[in-house]
């Protein structure tokens, strides 16, 4: 994800049906990025400059002028090449659960986007999201009531990996939440995720949604659309996102969504595509009296609860890890993903070979993939 800028004020609440009111700057860009129109065309020269910088940076790593390191355990990076939400964190959670079910000891590392700290630290289920980032906090919380998973954050992922292995030397596999573009960390497998908008207009930032040229080499593609993005030669598998049939309170107890039908709800989402969350709530038969779209990774420090106390506040789990500290009465609806089982079969085959190799010889340090010509 890009560097955080000043957070604009929350958009004014607006009725859910029909949707009205202002959209965030992020949502406006998402719309521009779907077509090669006048607005995106005006930004195309900047995209060319951005592309040149991306190419130069990759060349510096490939030549060794910039150093990349491997932590000595198989590394799986789960990321994307588009700006905005693609559902990486739910995939990381499902991937960790799968690997644990195979008897592997798994650790997770992340940059900790949007946090107030800049050190390297462990993320515990009760660690404030403001200190470690909302996504690492959500991952740690997701494993609080079962098989736990160590989670570490640091500005440099290799630093987080070293700290994780120092604290948990028996770790078999490291999963990196986000970081396809973080070339300082060498990896063994790359999983690239696309939402249903694919590569949009196919242009680089800021004229389009691409963080780097596509196609590029990755090991696996997961896509929410009906067809994989054009140009990929990697094995591609379907990905479905849906809401759970319950909401979660701050104390961990659950409320069936069926019990909320007919009640006036104030839905909010500080994610890249808030409209998706609102639409999924409505598909569950819920009545959204107001919806409120906030900037992605919003910290909620200045957020005001609706005056009408009859409106229950309902949000995403990613938002709840920050919102609960200020408004513990809020309800969070988990977002779950269903991944094609053939993906796990293919991943297991690749990972088994890596683990067998690691037991006999040090893991190789694979060269960085070359950008397309």
Protein backbone atom coordinates (compact mmCIF):
# COMPACT_ATOMS: atom_id res chain seq x y z
CA UNK A 1 0.00 0.00 0.00
CA UNK A 2 1.06 3.52 -0.63
CA UNK A 3 2.28 5.88 2.03
CA UNK A 4 -0.53 7.34 4.13
CA UNK A 5 -1.42 10.96 3.61
CA UNK A 6 -3.49 13.34 5.73
CA UNK A 7 -6.84 11.79 6.51
CA UNK A 8 -9.77 13.77 5.10
CA UNK A 9 -12.80 14.23 7.32
CA UNK A 10 -15.39 11.45 7.27
CA UNK A 11 -17.87 11.66 4.44
CA UNK A 12 -21.35 12.64 5.50
CA UNK A 13 -23.67 9.71 6.23
CA UNK A 14 -26.07 9.02 3.41
CA UNK A 15 -29.02 6.73 2.81
CA UNK A 16 -28.15 3.24 1.66
CA UNK A 17 -30.99 2.88 -0.86
CA UNK A 18 -30.59 4.54 -3.20
CA UNK A 19 -26.94 5.37 -2.52
CA UNK A 20 -26.33 9.10 -2.44
CA UNK A 21 -23.84 11.50 -0.90
CA UNK A 22 -20.18 12.16 -1.47
CA UNK A 23 -17.60 9.56 -2.26
CA UNK A 24 -14.08 9.50 -0.90
CA UNK A 25 -11.13 10.48 -3.08
CA UNK A 26 -10.12 6.81 -3.15
CA UNK A 27 -13.51 5.79 -4.54
CA UNK A 28 -13.25 8.53 -7.16
CA UNK A 29 -9.89 7.19 -8.31
CA UNK A 30 -11.26 3.65 -8.41
CA UNK A 31 -13.88 4.85 -10.89
CA UNK A 32 -11.34 6.71 -13.03
CA UNK A 33 -9.07 3.67 -13.14
CA UNK A 34 -11.65 1.46 -14.82
CA UNK A 35 -11.47 3.25 -18.19
CA UNK A 36 -8.96 5.01 -20.40
CA UNK A 37 -10.85 8.28 -20.42
CA UNK A 38 -9.92 11.93 -20.25
CA UNK A 39 -9.18 11.91 -16.52
CA UNK A 40 -6.91 8.87 -16.63
CA UNK A 41 -5.34 10.07 -19.89
CA UNK A 42 -4.34 13.34 -18.24
CA UNK A 43 -2.42 11.33 -15.66
CA UNK A 44 -0.74 9.04 -18.21
CA UNK A 45 2.53 11.06 -18.41
CA UNK A 46 2.94 10.70 -14.65
CA UNK A 47 2.32 6.97 -15.02
CA UNK A 48 5.22 6.78 -17.48
CA UNK A 49 7.52 8.47 -14.97
CA UNK A 50 6.30 6.13 -12.22
CA UNK A 51 6.94 3.12 -14.48
CA UNK A 52 10.51 4.26 -15.13
CA UNK A 53 11.15 4.54 -11.38
CA UNK A 54 9.70 1.05 -10.80
CA UNK A 55 11.95 -0.38 -13.51
CA UNK A 56 15.02 1.41 -12.12
CA UNK A 57 14.37 0.13 -8.61
CA UNK A 58 14.01 -3.45 -9.79
CA UNK A 59 17.21 -3.14 -11.83
CA UNK A 60 19.11 -1.93 -8.77
CA UNK A 61 17.99 -5.00 -6.82
CA UNK A 62 18.79 -7.35 -9.67
CA UNK A 63 22.28 -5.91 -10.03
CA UNK A 64 22.97 -6.15 -6.31
CA UNK A 65 23.32 -2.42 -5.75
CA UNK A 66 20.29 -2.73 -3.49
CA UNK A 67 20.41 -5.73 -1.21
CA UNK A 68 17.72 -8.34 -0.71
CA UNK A 69 17.81 -11.07 1.93
CA UNK A 70 16.20 -14.42 2.64
CA UNK A 71 15.32 -15.38 6.25
CA UNK A 72 16.22 -19.05 5.83
CA UNK A 73 12.68 -20.45 5.95
CA UNK A 74 10.26 -20.81 3.04
CA UNK A 75 8.56 -17.45 2.47
CA UNK A 76 5.11 -17.08 0.88
CA UNK A 77 4.21 -13.52 -0.06
CA UNK A 78 0.49 -12.78 -0.44
CA UNK A 79 -0.01 -9.49 -2.23
CA UNK A 80 -1.33 -7.73 -5.29
CA UNK A 81 -0.25 -5.49 -8.13
CA UNK A 82 -3.24 -3.16 -7.91
CA UNK A 83 -3.88 -0.30 -5.51
CA UNK A 84 -6.92 -0.68 -3.29
CA UNK A 85 -8.53 -3.63 -1.61
CA UNK A 86 -8.19 -7.10 -3.08
CA UNK A 87 -8.86 -9.18 0.04
CA UNK A 88 -5.27 -10.07 0.95
CA UNK A 89 -5.73 -10.36 4.70
CA UNK A 90 -8.66 -12.84 4.62
CA UNK A 91 -6.59 -14.94 2.21
CA UNK A 92 -3.62 -14.81 4.60
CA UNK A 93 -5.86 -16.01 7.43
CA UNK A 94 -7.24 -18.91 5.36
CA UNK A 95 -3.75 -19.80 4.14
CA UNK A 96 -2.38 -19.91 7.70
CA UNK A 97 -5.28 -22.11 8.81
CA UNK A 98 -4.62 -24.48 5.93
CA UNK A 99 -0.89 -24.72 6.65
CA UNK A 100 -1.54 -25.30 10.34
CA UNK A 101 -3.94 -28.11 9.41
CA UNK A 102 -1.02 -29.71 7.52
CA UNK A 103 0.95 -29.76 10.78
CA UNK A 104 3.22 -26.84 9.88
CA UNK A 105 4.31 -24.12 12.30
CA UNK A 106 3.52 -20.83 10.61
CA UNK A 107 4.50 -17.25 11.33
CA UNK A 108 3.17 -14.05 9.76
CA UNK A 109 5.08 -10.86 9.04
CA UNK A 110 3.83 -7.48 7.85
CA UNK A 111 4.87 -3.87 7.52
CA UNK A 112 1.99 -2.77 9.74
CA UNK A 113 0.57 -0.11 7.46
CA UNK A 114 -0.89 2.98 9.13
CA UNK A 115 0.47 2.35 12.63
CA UNK A 116 1.75 5.06 14.94
CA UNK A 117 5.00 3.22 15.74
CA UNK A 118 8.03 2.46 13.58
CA UNK A 119 9.81 -0.27 15.53
CA UNK A 120 9.79 -4.05 15.17
CA UNK A 121 7.37 -5.74 17.54
CA UNK A 122 5.20 -8.78 18.13
CA UNK A 123 1.46 -8.47 17.59
CA UNK A 124 -0.71 -10.02 20.29
CA UNK A 125 -4.51 -10.42 20.18
CA UNK A 126 -4.90 -7.50 22.60
CA UNK A 127 -2.28 -5.21 21.00
CA UNK A 128 -3.88 -1.90 19.99
CA UNK A 129 -4.28 -1.71 16.22
CA UNK A 130 -2.92 1.85 16.32
CA UNK A 131 0.48 0.44 17.36
CA UNK A 132 0.75 -2.38 14.80
CA UNK A 133 -1.72 -1.66 11.98
CA UNK A 134 -5.28 -2.86 11.56
CA UNK A 135 -4.52 -5.86 9.35
CA UNK A 136 -1.82 -7.46 11.58
CA UNK A 137 -4.08 -6.81 14.58
CA UNK A 138 -6.95 -8.57 12.82
CA UNK A 139 -4.76 -11.56 11.94
CA UNK A 140 -3.59 -11.97 15.54
CA UNK A 141 -7.15 -11.59 16.85
CA UNK A 142 -8.45 -14.17 14.36
CA UNK A 143 -6.23 -16.82 16.00
CA UNK A 144 -6.85 -15.76 19.59
CA UNK A 145 -9.29 -18.59 20.35
CA UNK A 146 -7.61 -21.48 18.56
CA UNK A 147 -4.21 -22.46 17.29
CA UNK A 148 -2.26 -19.23 17.76
CA UNK A 149 0.10 -17.80 15.17
CA UNK A 150 3.04 -15.46 15.86
CA UNK A 151 2.71 -12.15 14.04
CA UNK A 152 5.51 -9.57 13.79
CA UNK A 153 5.60 -6.14 12.17
CA UNK A 154 8.53 -3.98 11.09
CA UNK A 155 9.16 -1.34 8.41
CA UNK A 156 11.48 -3.89 6.73
CA UNK A 157 9.92 -7.34 6.43
CA UNK A 158 13.30 -9.09 6.80
CA UNK A 159 13.64 -7.45 10.21
CA UNK A 160 10.22 -8.79 11.19
CA UNK A 161 11.18 -12.25 9.91
CA UNK A 162 14.39 -12.30 11.94
CA UNK A 163 12.56 -11.25 15.10
CA UNK A 164 9.89 -13.88 14.49
CA UNK A 165 12.48 -16.65 14.07
CA UNK A 166 14.42 -15.49 17.13
CA UNK A 167 11.26 -15.76 19.24
CA UNK A 168 9.92 -18.88 17.48
CA UNK A 169 12.90 -20.80 16.05
CA UNK A 170 10.75 -23.83 15.21
CA UNK A 171 8.78 -21.92 12.58
CA UNK A 172 8.49 -23.91 9.35
CA UNK A 173 6.94 -21.36 6.99
CA UNK A 174 6.69 -17.55 6.95
CA UNK A 175 3.68 -15.88 5.34
CA UNK A 176 4.10 -12.23 4.41
CA UNK A 177 0.90 -10.18 4.40
CA UNK A 178 1.36 -7.83 1.44
CA UNK A 179 4.79 -7.09 0.00
CA UNK A 180 4.98 -8.19 -3.64
CA UNK A 181 6.79 -4.92 -4.28
CA UNK A 182 8.99 -5.19 -1.16
CA UNK A 183 12.03 -6.54 -3.01
CA UNK A 184 14.33 -6.37 0.03
CA UNK A 185 12.70 -9.62 1.18
CA UNK A 186 13.51 -12.62 -0.96
CA UNK A 187 10.64 -15.03 -1.30
CA UNK A 188 10.01 -18.54 -2.53
CA UNK A 189 6.36 -18.34 -3.56
CA UNK A 190 4.23 -15.40 -4.62
CA UNK A 191 0.42 -15.37 -4.50
CA UNK A 192 -1.11 -12.44 -6.38
CA UNK A 193 -4.74 -11.51 -5.66
CA UNK A 194 -7.17 -9.64 -7.90
CA UNK A 195 -10.63 -8.36 -7.08
CA UNK A 196 -13.44 -8.54 -9.62
CA UNK A 197 -12.16 -5.41 -11.40
CA UNK A 198 -8.98 -7.17 -12.52
CA UNK A 199 -6.30 -4.81 -13.79
CA UNK A 200 -8.78 -2.00 -14.50
CA UNK A 201 -7.64 0.09 -17.45
CA UNK A 202 -4.24 -1.63 -17.41
CA UNK A 203 -2.25 1.55 -16.71
CA UNK A 204 0.23 2.25 -13.94
CA UNK A 205 -0.41 4.64 -11.06
CA UNK A 206 -1.69 7.32 -11.02
CA UNK A 207 -3.43 6.87 -14.39
CA UNK A 208 -4.51 3.34 -13.49
CA UNK A 209 -4.54 0.96 -10.55
CA UNK A 210 -1.31 -0.95 -11.29
CA UNK A 211 1.56 -0.67 -8.81
CA UNK A 212 3.89 -2.31 -11.33
CA UNK A 213 3.64 -3.52 -14.94
CA UNK A 214 1.40 -6.51 -15.57
CA UNK A 215 1.87 -9.24 -16.55
CA UNK A 216 4.78 -10.16 -14.32
CA UNK A 217 5.94 -13.50 -12.98
CA UNK A 218 4.07 -14.83 -9.94
CA UNK A 219 3.55 -18.41 -8.80
CA UNK A 220 -0.22 -18.33 -8.26
CA UNK A 221 -3.10 -16.00 -9.08
CA UNK A 222 -6.30 -15.81 -7.05
CA UNK A 223 -9.08 -13.80 -8.68
CA UNK A 224 -12.55 -12.80 -7.53
CA UNK A 225 -13.82 -12.18 -11.07
CA UNK A 226 -15.21 -14.83 -13.35
CA UNK A 227 -12.03 -14.91 -15.41
CA UNK A 228 -8.37 -14.41 -14.46
CA UNK A 229 -6.64 -11.16 -15.46
CA UNK A 230 -5.36 -11.10 -19.00
CA UNK A 231 -1.74 -11.92 -19.67
CA UNK A 232 -1.00 -14.19 -16.72
CA UNK A 233 0.75 -17.48 -17.35
CA UNK A 234 0.59 -18.50 -13.68
CA UNK A 235 -1.96 -21.05 -12.47
CA UNK A 236 -5.13 -19.08 -11.66
CA UNK A 237 -7.82 -20.08 -9.19
CA UNK A 238 -11.18 -18.65 -8.22
CA UNK A 239 -11.76 -16.68 -5.04
CA UNK A 240 -15.18 -15.89 -3.55
CA UNK A 241 -15.75 -13.34 -0.80
CA UNK A 242 -18.83 -13.34 1.40
CA UNK A 243 -19.96 -12.15 4.80
CA UNK A 244 -20.49 -14.47 7.72
CA UNK A 245 -24.08 -14.98 8.87
CA UNK A 246 -23.31 -13.40 12.22
CA UNK A 247 -21.83 -10.26 13.72
CA UNK A 248 -19.26 -10.19 16.52
CA UNK A 249 -19.36 -8.07 19.64
CA UNK A 250 -16.22 -6.65 21.26
CA UNK A 251 -16.36 -9.41 23.91
CA UNK A 252 -16.24 -12.08 21.20
CA UNK A 253 -19.87 -13.13 21.45
CA UNK A 254 -21.89 -13.51 18.26
CA UNK A 255 -25.20 -12.09 17.07
CA UNK A 256 -26.95 -13.85 14.14
CA UNK A 257 -27.58 -11.38 11.35
CA UNK A 258 -31.12 -12.71 11.15
CA UNK A 259 -31.77 -11.07 14.53
CA UNK A 260 -30.77 -7.69 13.09
CA UNK A 261 -33.21 -7.77 10.18
CA UNK A 262 -35.76 -5.00 10.39
CA UNK A 263 -33.63 -2.93 12.76
CA UNK A 264 -32.28 0.46 11.61
CA UNK A 265 -28.52 0.11 11.17
CA UNK A 266 -25.71 2.60 10.67
CA UNK A 267 -23.15 0.81 8.48
CA UNK A 268 -19.65 2.17 8.13
CA UNK A 269 -16.58 0.97 6.30
CA UNK A 270 -13.05 2.37 6.17
CA UNK A 271 -11.87 0.07 3.39
CA UNK A 272 -10.89 0.58 -0.23
CA UNK A 273 -14.27 -0.53 -1.58
CA UNK A 274 -16.89 0.28 1.07
CA UNK A 275 -19.75 -0.16 -1.36
CA UNK A 276 -19.03 -3.89 -1.55
CA UNK A 277 -19.52 -4.21 2.21
CA UNK A 278 -22.78 -2.25 2.17
CA UNK A 279 -24.12 -4.31 -0.72
CA UNK A 280 -23.29 -7.58 1.03
CA UNK A 281 -25.06 -6.41 4.18
CA UNK A 282 -28.15 -5.56 2.17
CA UNK A 283 -27.96 -8.94 0.44
CA UNK A 284 -28.29 -10.48 3.91
CA UNK A 285 -31.62 -8.69 4.28
CA UNK A 286 -30.41 -5.95 6.62
CA UNK A 287 -31.89 -2.47 6.64
CA UNK A 288 -29.17 0.16 6.33
CA UNK A 289 -30.68 3.45 7.42
CA UNK A 290 -27.34 5.15 6.84
CA UNK A 291 -24.06 4.15 5.25
CA UNK A 292 -20.79 5.95 5.89
CA UNK A 293 -17.75 5.52 3.68
CA UNK A 294 -14.48 6.51 5.32
CA UNK A 295 -10.90 6.62 3.98
CA UNK A 296 -9.10 3.28 3.96
CA UNK A 297 -7.27 2.67 7.28
CA UNK A 298 -9.15 5.51 8.99
CA UNK A 299 -8.14 5.70 12.68
CA UNK A 300 -11.62 6.66 14.07
CA UNK A 301 -10.16 9.10 16.60
CA UNK A 302 -12.38 11.89 15.30
CA UNK A 303 -15.38 9.74 14.42
CA UNK A 304 -18.70 10.56 16.09
CA UNK A 305 -21.33 7.96 16.81
CA UNK A 306 -24.78 8.63 15.26
CA UNK A 307 -27.02 10.67 17.53
CA UNK A 308 -29.94 8.26 17.10
CA UNK A 309 -29.19 5.59 19.72
CA UNK A 310 -31.69 3.25 18.08
CA UNK A 311 -29.29 2.74 15.18
CA UNK A 312 -26.84 -0.05 15.88
CA UNK A 313 -23.40 0.56 14.37
CA UNK A 314 -22.21 -2.25 12.12
CA UNK A 315 -18.78 -2.39 10.48
CA UNK A 316 -16.08 -4.62 9.04
CA UNK A 317 -13.75 -6.63 11.30
CA UNK A 318 -10.82 -4.58 10.00
CA UNK A 319 -12.52 -1.42 11.26
CA UNK A 320 -13.64 -3.02 14.53
CA UNK A 321 -10.10 -3.67 15.78
CA UNK A 322 -9.76 0.13 16.00
CA UNK A 323 -13.36 1.15 16.62
CA UNK A 324 -13.96 -1.15 19.62
CA UNK A 325 -11.46 0.78 21.75
CA UNK A 326 -13.69 3.85 21.45
CA UNK A 327 -17.11 2.31 20.80
CA UNK A 328 -17.25 -1.25 22.19
CA UNK A 329 -20.97 -1.49 21.33
CA UNK A 330 -20.21 -1.67 17.59
CA UNK A 331 -20.94 -4.91 15.76
CA UNK A 332 -18.43 -6.36 13.30
CA UNK A 333 -19.32 -8.72 10.46
CA UNK A 334 -16.46 -11.02 9.44
CA UNK A 335 -15.51 -11.25 5.77
CA UNK A 336 -14.64 -14.79 4.78
CA UNK A 337 -13.18 -16.15 1.56
CA UNK A 338 -13.70 -19.40 -0.26
CA UNK A 339 -10.69 -20.47 -2.29
CA UNK A 340 -10.62 -23.10 -5.01
CA UNK A 341 -9.33 -26.27 -3.34
CA UNK A 342 -7.05 -26.94 -6.32
CA UNK A 343 -5.02 -23.90 -5.25
CA UNK A 344 -4.16 -25.55 -1.93
CA UNK A 345 -3.24 -28.79 -3.72
CA UNK A 346 -0.84 -26.94 -6.00
CA UNK A 347 0.57 -24.89 -3.12
CA UNK A 348 1.12 -27.98 -0.98
CA UNK A 349 3.05 -29.67 -3.78
CA UNK A 350 5.36 -26.68 -4.20
CA UNK A 351 5.80 -26.19 -0.47
CA UNK A 352 6.53 -29.87 0.19
CA UNK A 353 9.41 -29.69 -2.28
CA UNK A 354 10.74 -26.52 -0.66
CA UNK A 355 10.61 -28.00 2.83
CA UNK A 356 12.34 -31.19 1.71
CA UNK A 357 15.08 -29.13 0.09
CA UNK A 358 15.44 -26.95 3.18
CA UNK A 359 16.10 -30.03 5.33
CA UNK A 360 19.09 -31.03 3.22
CA UNK A 361 20.53 -27.80 1.83
CA UNK A 362 20.09 -24.11 2.56
CA UNK A 363 17.22 -22.53 0.67
CA UNK A 364 18.35 -20.96 -2.59
CA UNK A 365 18.06 -17.25 -3.05
CA UNK A 366 16.07 -17.04 -6.29
CA UNK A 367 16.74 -14.15 -8.65
CA UNK A 368 14.16 -11.42 -8.79
CA UNK A 369 11.64 -11.90 -11.57
CA UNK A 370 12.24 -9.72 -14.57
CA UNK A 371 9.67 -7.10 -15.54
CA UNK A 372 7.93 -7.63 -18.88
CA UNK A 373 9.60 -6.19 -21.91
